[in-house]
Amino acid sequence: MDVRSIRGNSAISDHFLVRVKIHFRISVEKQRRNSGKKRINRDILKTDVVKLNQDRLIEELQRINQESDINNTWEKVEQVIEDTSERILGNTQKEKKQNMQVNKEKQKKTLRMARRLREKQRVTEVENNNNKNNIKAFFEKIKNVKTGYRPKTLMIRKDDGTIITDKGKIAN
């Protein structure tokens, strides 16, 4: 927190203005999605290893006794499927975010390079106009560099609140 007292421009009053700057920090807690579940290596599904182990899975599913409680039966089926998939297929690590980070960095770099190239082209245009004694174009380019891009207004609001977009009606 930054607190300062500022004198006013009035000589009549002996009060001071107090200016306070408060800095807030919002704590961000990362969400843990699927933290308990492991990722299965799905690339192995394309090979013949799965076909060979399919019989094992069917045998283990048939060994489960059907009980009167369907929830217990379902939990056993789920556990057998998870165990066999982990044993046969294995687990993988998540790499997608790293690739996305690399892509973001590449995009930023290409945008930076394009911005620098555009600035160099502007500077060379200004220098060429100065060297050729083209004063009007020289000062126009300098003005464009100073002010930046300003889009033209293509809409106007009437007194009654309606918006006009037609160029002919705007001019009238």
Protein backbone atom coordinates (compact mmCIF):
# COMPACT_ATOMS: atom_id res chain seq x y z
CA MET A 1 0.00 0.00 0.00
CA ASP A 2 1.29 3.42 -0.96
CA VAL A 3 -0.13 6.39 1.03
CA ARG A 4 0.73 10.00 0.28
CA SER A 5 -0.64 13.34 1.42
CA ILE A 6 -1.01 16.01 -1.23
CA ARG A 7 -1.45 19.72 -0.61
CA GLY A 8 -4.38 21.34 -2.32
CA ASN A 9 -4.24 24.49 -4.40
CA SER A 10 -6.47 26.37 -1.99
CA ALA A 11 -4.69 28.59 0.53
CA ILE A 12 -7.87 29.02 2.58
CA SER A 13 -8.08 25.43 3.83
CA ASP A 14 -5.53 23.61 5.93
CA HIS A 15 -6.80 20.15 4.84
CA PHE A 16 -4.66 17.78 2.83
CA LEU A 17 -5.78 15.32 0.21
CA VAL A 18 -4.77 11.72 0.95
CA ARG A 19 -3.97 9.49 -2.02
CA VAL A 20 -3.78 5.73 -1.49
CA LYS A 21 -2.63 3.09 -3.95
CA ILE A 22 -3.61 -0.43 -2.95
CA HIS A 23 -2.04 -3.40 -4.70
CA PHE A 24 -4.11 -6.57 -4.71
CA ARG A 25 -2.70 -10.00 -5.38
CA ILE A 26 -5.17 -12.63 -6.36
CA SER A 27 -3.99 -16.09 -5.41
CA VAL A 28 -4.53 -18.66 -8.11
CA GLU A 29 -4.69 -22.29 -7.16
CA LYS A 30 -4.06 -24.71 -9.97
CA GLN A 31 -6.87 -27.09 -10.60
CA ARG A 32 -6.04 -30.73 -10.37
CA ARG A 33 -8.00 -32.49 -13.06
CA ASN A 34 -7.86 -36.26 -13.24
CA SER A 35 -5.12 -36.32 -10.65
CA GLY A 36 -6.07 -39.81 -9.48
CA LYS A 37 -6.40 -41.32 -12.94
CA LYS A 38 -3.44 -42.42 -14.99
CA ARG A 39 -3.24 -42.00 -18.74
CA ILE A 40 -3.18 -45.17 -20.81
CA ASN A 41 -0.73 -45.54 -23.68
CA ARG A 42 -3.19 -45.78 -26.57
CA ASP A 43 -0.50 -46.23 -29.23
CA ILE A 44 -0.17 -49.90 -28.25
CA LEU A 45 -3.83 -50.45 -29.25
CA LYS A 46 -2.74 -50.26 -32.88
CA THR A 47 -0.42 -53.26 -32.51
CA ASP A 48 -1.20 -57.00 -32.26
CA VAL A 49 -0.36 -57.15 -28.55
CA VAL A 50 -3.95 -56.33 -27.62
CA LYS A 51 -5.42 -59.16 -29.66
CA LEU A 52 -3.16 -61.66 -27.90
CA ASN A 53 -4.19 -60.43 -24.44
CA GLN A 54 -7.88 -60.11 -25.22
CA ASP A 55 -8.50 -63.72 -24.15
CA ARG A 56 -6.93 -63.05 -20.74
CA LEU A 57 -9.32 -60.17 -20.15
CA ILE A 58 -12.35 -62.27 -21.08
CA GLU A 59 -11.24 -65.04 -18.71
CA GLU A 60 -10.80 -62.62 -15.82
CA LEU A 61 -14.21 -61.07 -16.46
CA GLN A 62 -15.85 -64.50 -16.44
CA ARG A 63 -14.24 -65.32 -13.06
CA ILE A 64 -16.18 -62.49 -11.40
CA ASN A 65 -19.14 -63.91 -9.49
CA GLN A 66 -22.38 -62.10 -10.08
CA GLU A 67 -23.56 -60.98 -6.70
CA SER A 68 -26.94 -59.67 -5.67
CA ASP A 69 -25.50 -56.17 -5.29
CA ILE A 70 -24.83 -54.75 -8.74
CA ASN A 71 -22.56 -52.00 -7.39
CA ASN A 72 -20.05 -54.50 -6.03
CA THR A 73 -20.11 -56.42 -9.30
CA TRP A 74 -19.53 -53.24 -11.28
CA GLU A 75 -16.60 -52.22 -9.05
CA LYS A 76 -14.97 -55.60 -9.62
CA VAL A 77 -15.46 -55.35 -13.41
CA GLU A 78 -14.02 -51.84 -13.41
CA GLN A 79 -11.03 -52.93 -11.34
CA VAL A 80 -10.28 -55.90 -13.64
CA ILE A 81 -10.42 -53.68 -16.75
CA GLU A 82 -8.15 -51.03 -15.18
CA ASP A 83 -5.62 -53.60 -13.99
CA THR A 84 -5.38 -55.40 -17.33
CA SER A 85 -5.16 -52.17 -19.31
CA GLU A 86 -2.40 -50.89 -17.05
CA ARG A 87 -0.52 -54.19 -17.22
CA ILE A 88 -0.79 -54.54 -21.02
CA LEU A 89 -0.80 -50.97 -22.28
CA GLY A 90 1.14 -49.14 -19.59
CA ASN A 91 0.93 -45.44 -18.73
CA THR A 92 2.08 -42.30 -20.51
CA GLN A 93 3.01 -38.84 -19.37
CA LYS A 94 1.15 -35.76 -20.54
CA GLU A 95 3.23 -33.88 -23.12
CA LYS A 96 0.59 -31.77 -24.79
CA LYS A 97 1.15 -28.66 -22.66
CA GLN A 98 4.87 -28.64 -23.39
CA ASN A 99 4.17 -28.73 -27.13
CA MET A 100 1.63 -25.93 -26.76
CA GLN A 101 4.18 -23.85 -24.85
CA VAL A 102 6.77 -24.39 -27.60
CA ASN A 103 4.20 -23.38 -30.24
CA LYS A 104 3.32 -20.22 -28.30
CA GLU A 105 6.98 -19.26 -28.07
CA LYS A 106 7.45 -19.81 -31.81
CA GLN A 107 4.39 -17.69 -32.58
CA LYS A 108 5.62 -14.88 -30.34
CA LYS A 109 9.03 -15.00 -31.99
CA THR A 110 7.60 -14.83 -35.52
CA LEU A 111 5.31 -11.94 -34.54
CA ARG A 112 8.25 -10.07 -33.01
CA MET A 113 10.32 -10.61 -36.15
CA ALA A 114 7.47 -9.44 -38.39
CA ARG A 115 6.98 -6.33 -36.22
CA ARG A 116 10.70 -5.50 -36.42
CA LEU A 117 10.72 -5.99 -40.18
CA ARG A 118 7.70 -3.69 -40.54
CA GLU A 119 9.42 -1.03 -38.41
CA LYS A 120 12.59 -1.27 -40.52
CA GLN A 121 10.53 -0.83 -43.68
CA ARG A 122 8.88 2.28 -42.22
CA VAL A 123 12.26 3.76 -41.30
CA THR A 124 13.68 3.11 -44.79
CA GLU A 125 10.59 4.73 -46.38
CA VAL A 126 11.04 7.82 -44.20
CA GLU A 127 14.76 7.97 -45.02
CA ASN A 128 14.09 7.58 -48.75
CA ASN A 129 11.56 10.40 -48.71
CA ASN A 130 14.05 12.60 -46.85
CA ASN A 131 16.87 11.76 -49.30
CA LYS A 132 14.66 12.45 -52.32
CA ASN A 133 13.58 15.81 -50.86
CA ASN A 134 9.97 14.63 -50.85
CA ILE A 135 9.10 16.72 -47.78
CA LYS A 136 5.33 16.21 -47.82
CA ALA A 137 5.58 12.39 -47.87
CA PHE A 138 8.39 12.57 -45.29
CA PHE A 139 6.27 14.42 -42.74
CA GLU A 140 3.19 12.27 -43.52
CA LYS A 141 5.18 9.13 -42.72
CA ILE A 142 6.54 10.66 -39.51
CA LYS A 143 2.99 11.60 -38.50
CA ASN A 144 1.84 8.02 -39.16
CA VAL A 145 4.67 6.66 -37.02
CA LYS A 146 3.82 9.05 -34.16
CA THR A 147 0.04 8.63 -34.15
CA GLY A 148 -0.20 4.99 -35.19
CA TYR A 149 -3.15 3.39 -36.92
CA ARG A 150 -6.54 5.02 -36.52
CA PRO A 151 -9.48 3.30 -38.22
CA LYS A 152 -11.98 5.45 -40.07
CA THR A 153 -15.40 5.84 -38.53
CA LEU A 154 -17.90 4.03 -40.68
CA MET A 155 -20.87 4.38 -38.32
CA ILE A 156 -22.66 7.30 -36.74
CA ARG A 157 -25.48 7.51 -34.19
CA LYS A 158 -28.44 9.79 -34.86
CA ASP A 159 -30.18 11.88 -32.18
CA ASP A 160 -32.94 9.26 -31.87
CA GLY A 161 -30.35 6.52 -31.18
CA THR A 162 -30.35 4.69 -34.53
CA ILE A 163 -27.04 3.78 -36.10
CA ILE A 164 -26.28 4.70 -39.72
CA THR A 165 -23.70 2.65 -41.62
CA ASP A 166 -24.30 3.86 -45.19
CA LYS A 167 -21.57 6.28 -46.35
CA GLY A 168 -23.99 8.38 -48.37
CA LYS A 169 -26.33 8.90 -45.44
CA ILE A 170 -23.42 9.67 -43.09
CA ALA A 171 -22.21 12.47 -45.36
CA ASN A 172 -25.68 14.05 -45.37
